[in-house]
């Protein structure tokens, strides 16, 4: 699951998606406004996905650090190390 999230948060992936979508839109003869709207929507979605994935990773690291510190403190108080 982590690999999938990492891949989905890749700016290179979303840049490629925008390029493919734009190319297909041009090939099917969509007007410039539609192409701009789709490209903007994909770019916005990529930004949100990247932000959420990054914040989730930061939060997970903070929780892991807090757990480790709490375990160390409990061991120090109980005298078992």
C-alpha atoms as a PDB file:
ATOM      1  CA  UNK A   1       0.000   0.000   0.000  1.00  0.00           C
ATOM      2  CA  UNK A   2       2.858   2.366   0.805  1.00  0.00           C
ATOM      3  CA  UNK A   3       4.390   1.807  -2.635  1.00  0.00           C
ATOM      4  CA  UNK A   4       1.072   2.645  -4.284  1.00  0.00           C
ATOM      5  CA  UNK A   5       0.692   5.832  -2.256  1.00  0.00           C
ATOM      6  CA  UNK A   6       4.268   6.822  -3.054  1.00  0.00           C
ATOM      7  CA  UNK A   7       3.697   6.250  -6.762  1.00  0.00           C
ATOM      8  CA  UNK A   8       0.407   8.170  -6.760  1.00  0.00           C
ATOM      9  CA  UNK A   9       2.067  11.123  -5.079  1.00  0.00           C
ATOM     10  CA  UNK A  10       4.738  11.332  -7.774  1.00  0.00           C
ATOM     11  CA  UNK A  11       4.734  14.651  -9.625  1.00  0.00           C
ATOM     12  CA  UNK A  12       6.315  12.916 -12.607  1.00  0.00           C
ATOM     13  CA  UNK A  13       3.367  10.531 -12.833  1.00  0.00           C
ATOM     14  CA  UNK A  14       0.807  13.332 -12.742  1.00  0.00           C
ATOM     15  CA  UNK A  15       2.778  15.382 -15.256  1.00  0.00           C
ATOM     16  CA  UNK A  16       2.701  12.386 -17.579  1.00  0.00           C
ATOM     17  CA  UNK A  17      -1.050  11.945 -16.972  1.00  0.00           C
ATOM     18  CA  UNK A  18      -1.667  15.595 -17.830  1.00  0.00           C
ATOM     19  CA  UNK A  19       0.387  15.181 -20.993  1.00  0.00           C
ATOM     20  CA  UNK A  20      -1.526  12.089 -22.080  1.00  0.00           C
ATOM     21  CA  UNK A  21      -4.913  13.616 -21.288  1.00  0.00           C
ATOM     22  CA  UNK A  22      -4.010  16.810 -23.135  1.00  0.00           C
ATOM     23  CA  UNK A  23      -2.757  14.849 -26.133  1.00  0.00           C
ATOM     24  CA  UNK A  24      -5.923  12.743 -26.253  1.00  0.00           C
ATOM     25  CA  UNK A  25      -8.087  15.825 -25.934  1.00  0.00           C
ATOM     26  CA  UNK A  26      -6.307  17.432 -28.875  1.00  0.00           C
ATOM     27  CA  UNK A  27      -6.587  14.210 -30.893  1.00  0.00           C
ATOM     28  CA  UNK A  28     -10.344  14.059 -30.305  1.00  0.00           C
ATOM     29  CA  UNK A  29     -10.773  17.700 -31.245  1.00  0.00           C
ATOM     30  CA  UNK A  30     -11.875  19.148 -27.911  1.00  0.00           C
ATOM     31  CA  UNK A  31     -11.786  22.901 -27.632  1.00  0.00           C
ATOM     32  CA  UNK A  32      -9.057  24.776 -25.771  1.00  0.00           C
ATOM     33  CA  UNK A  33     -11.311  25.622 -22.802  1.00  0.00           C
ATOM     34  CA  UNK A  34     -12.122  21.978 -22.182  1.00  0.00           C
ATOM     35  CA  UNK A  35      -8.463  20.995 -22.454  1.00  0.00           C
ATOM     36  CA  UNK A  36      -7.456  23.720 -19.998  1.00  0.00           C
ATOM     37  CA  UNK A  37     -10.182  22.675 -17.570  1.00  0.00           C
ATOM     38  CA  UNK A  38      -9.168  19.014 -17.644  1.00  0.00           C
ATOM     39  CA  UNK A  39      -5.466  19.815 -17.302  1.00  0.00           C
ATOM     40  CA  UNK A  40      -6.205  22.138 -14.396  1.00  0.00           C
ATOM     41  CA  UNK A  41      -8.355  19.531 -12.673  1.00  0.00           C
ATOM     42  CA  UNK A  42      -5.688  16.850 -12.992  1.00  0.00           C
ATOM     43  CA  UNK A  43      -3.015  19.239 -11.707  1.00  0.00           C
ATOM     44  CA  UNK A  44      -5.193  20.238  -8.744  1.00  0.00           C
ATOM     45  CA  UNK A  45      -5.924  16.600  -7.917  1.00  0.00           C
ATOM     46  CA  UNK A  46      -2.224  15.778  -8.065  1.00  0.00           C
ATOM     47  CA  UNK A  47      -1.445  18.622  -5.662  1.00  0.00           C
ATOM     48  CA  UNK A  48      -4.047  17.440  -3.169  1.00  0.00           C
ATOM     49  CA  UNK A  49      -2.932  13.799  -3.378  1.00  0.00           C
ATOM     50  CA  UNK A  50       0.705  14.781  -2.903  1.00  0.00           C
ATOM     51  CA  UNK A  51      -0.148  16.967   0.093  1.00  0.00           C
ATOM     52  CA  UNK A  52      -2.250  14.265   1.761  1.00  0.00           C
ATOM     53  CA  UNK A  53       0.363  11.558   1.192  1.00  0.00           C
ATOM     54  CA  UNK A  54       3.174  13.767   2.478  1.00  0.00           C
ATOM     55  CA  UNK A  55       1.266  14.852   5.586  1.00  0.00           C
ATOM     56  CA  UNK A  56       0.304  11.248   6.292  1.00  0.00           C
ATOM     57  CA  UNK A  57       3.932  10.211   6.095  1.00  0.00           C
ATOM     58  CA  UNK A  58       5.002  13.040   8.424  1.00  0.00           C
ATOM     59  CA  UNK A  59       2.234  12.189  10.913  1.00  0.00           C
ATOM     60  CA  UNK A  60       3.149   8.487  10.859  1.00  0.00           C
ATOM     61  CA  UNK A  61       6.794   9.317  11.586  1.00  0.00           C
ATOM     62  CA  UNK A  62       5.776  11.583  14.480  1.00  0.00           C
ATOM     63  CA  UNK A  63       3.574   8.866  15.983  1.00  0.00           C
ATOM     64  CA  UNK A  64       6.333   6.273  15.653  1.00  0.00           C
ATOM     65  CA  UNK A  65       8.772   8.609  17.384  1.00  0.00           C
ATOM     66  CA  UNK A  66       6.293   9.324  20.199  1.00  0.00           C
ATOM     67  CA  UNK A  67       5.678   5.600  20.733  1.00  0.00           C
ATOM     68  CA  UNK A  68       9.404   4.901  20.904  1.00  0.00           C
ATOM     69  CA  UNK A  69       9.924   7.721  23.399  1.00  0.00           C
ATOM     70  CA  UNK A  70       7.000   6.521  25.522  1.00  0.00           C
ATOM     71  CA  UNK A  71       8.380   2.967  25.558  1.00  0.00           C
ATOM     72  CA  UNK A  72      11.826   4.246  26.531  1.00  0.00           C
ATOM     73  CA  UNK A  73      10.323   6.333  29.341  1.00  0.00           C
ATOM     74  CA  UNK A  74       8.280   3.381  30.609  1.00  0.00           C
ATOM     75  CA  UNK A  75      11.358   1.171  30.609  1.00  0.00           C
ATOM     76  CA  UNK A  76      13.357   3.836  32.461  1.00  0.00           C
ATOM     77  CA  UNK A  77      10.663   4.174  35.145  1.00  0.00           C
ATOM     78  CA  UNK A  78      10.241   0.435  35.608  1.00  0.00           C
ATOM     79  CA  UNK A  79      13.988  -0.164  35.622  1.00  0.00           C
ATOM     80  CA  UNK A  80      14.021  -2.616  32.726  1.00  0.00           C
ATOM     81  CA  UNK A  81      16.185  -1.698  29.776  1.00  0.00           C
END
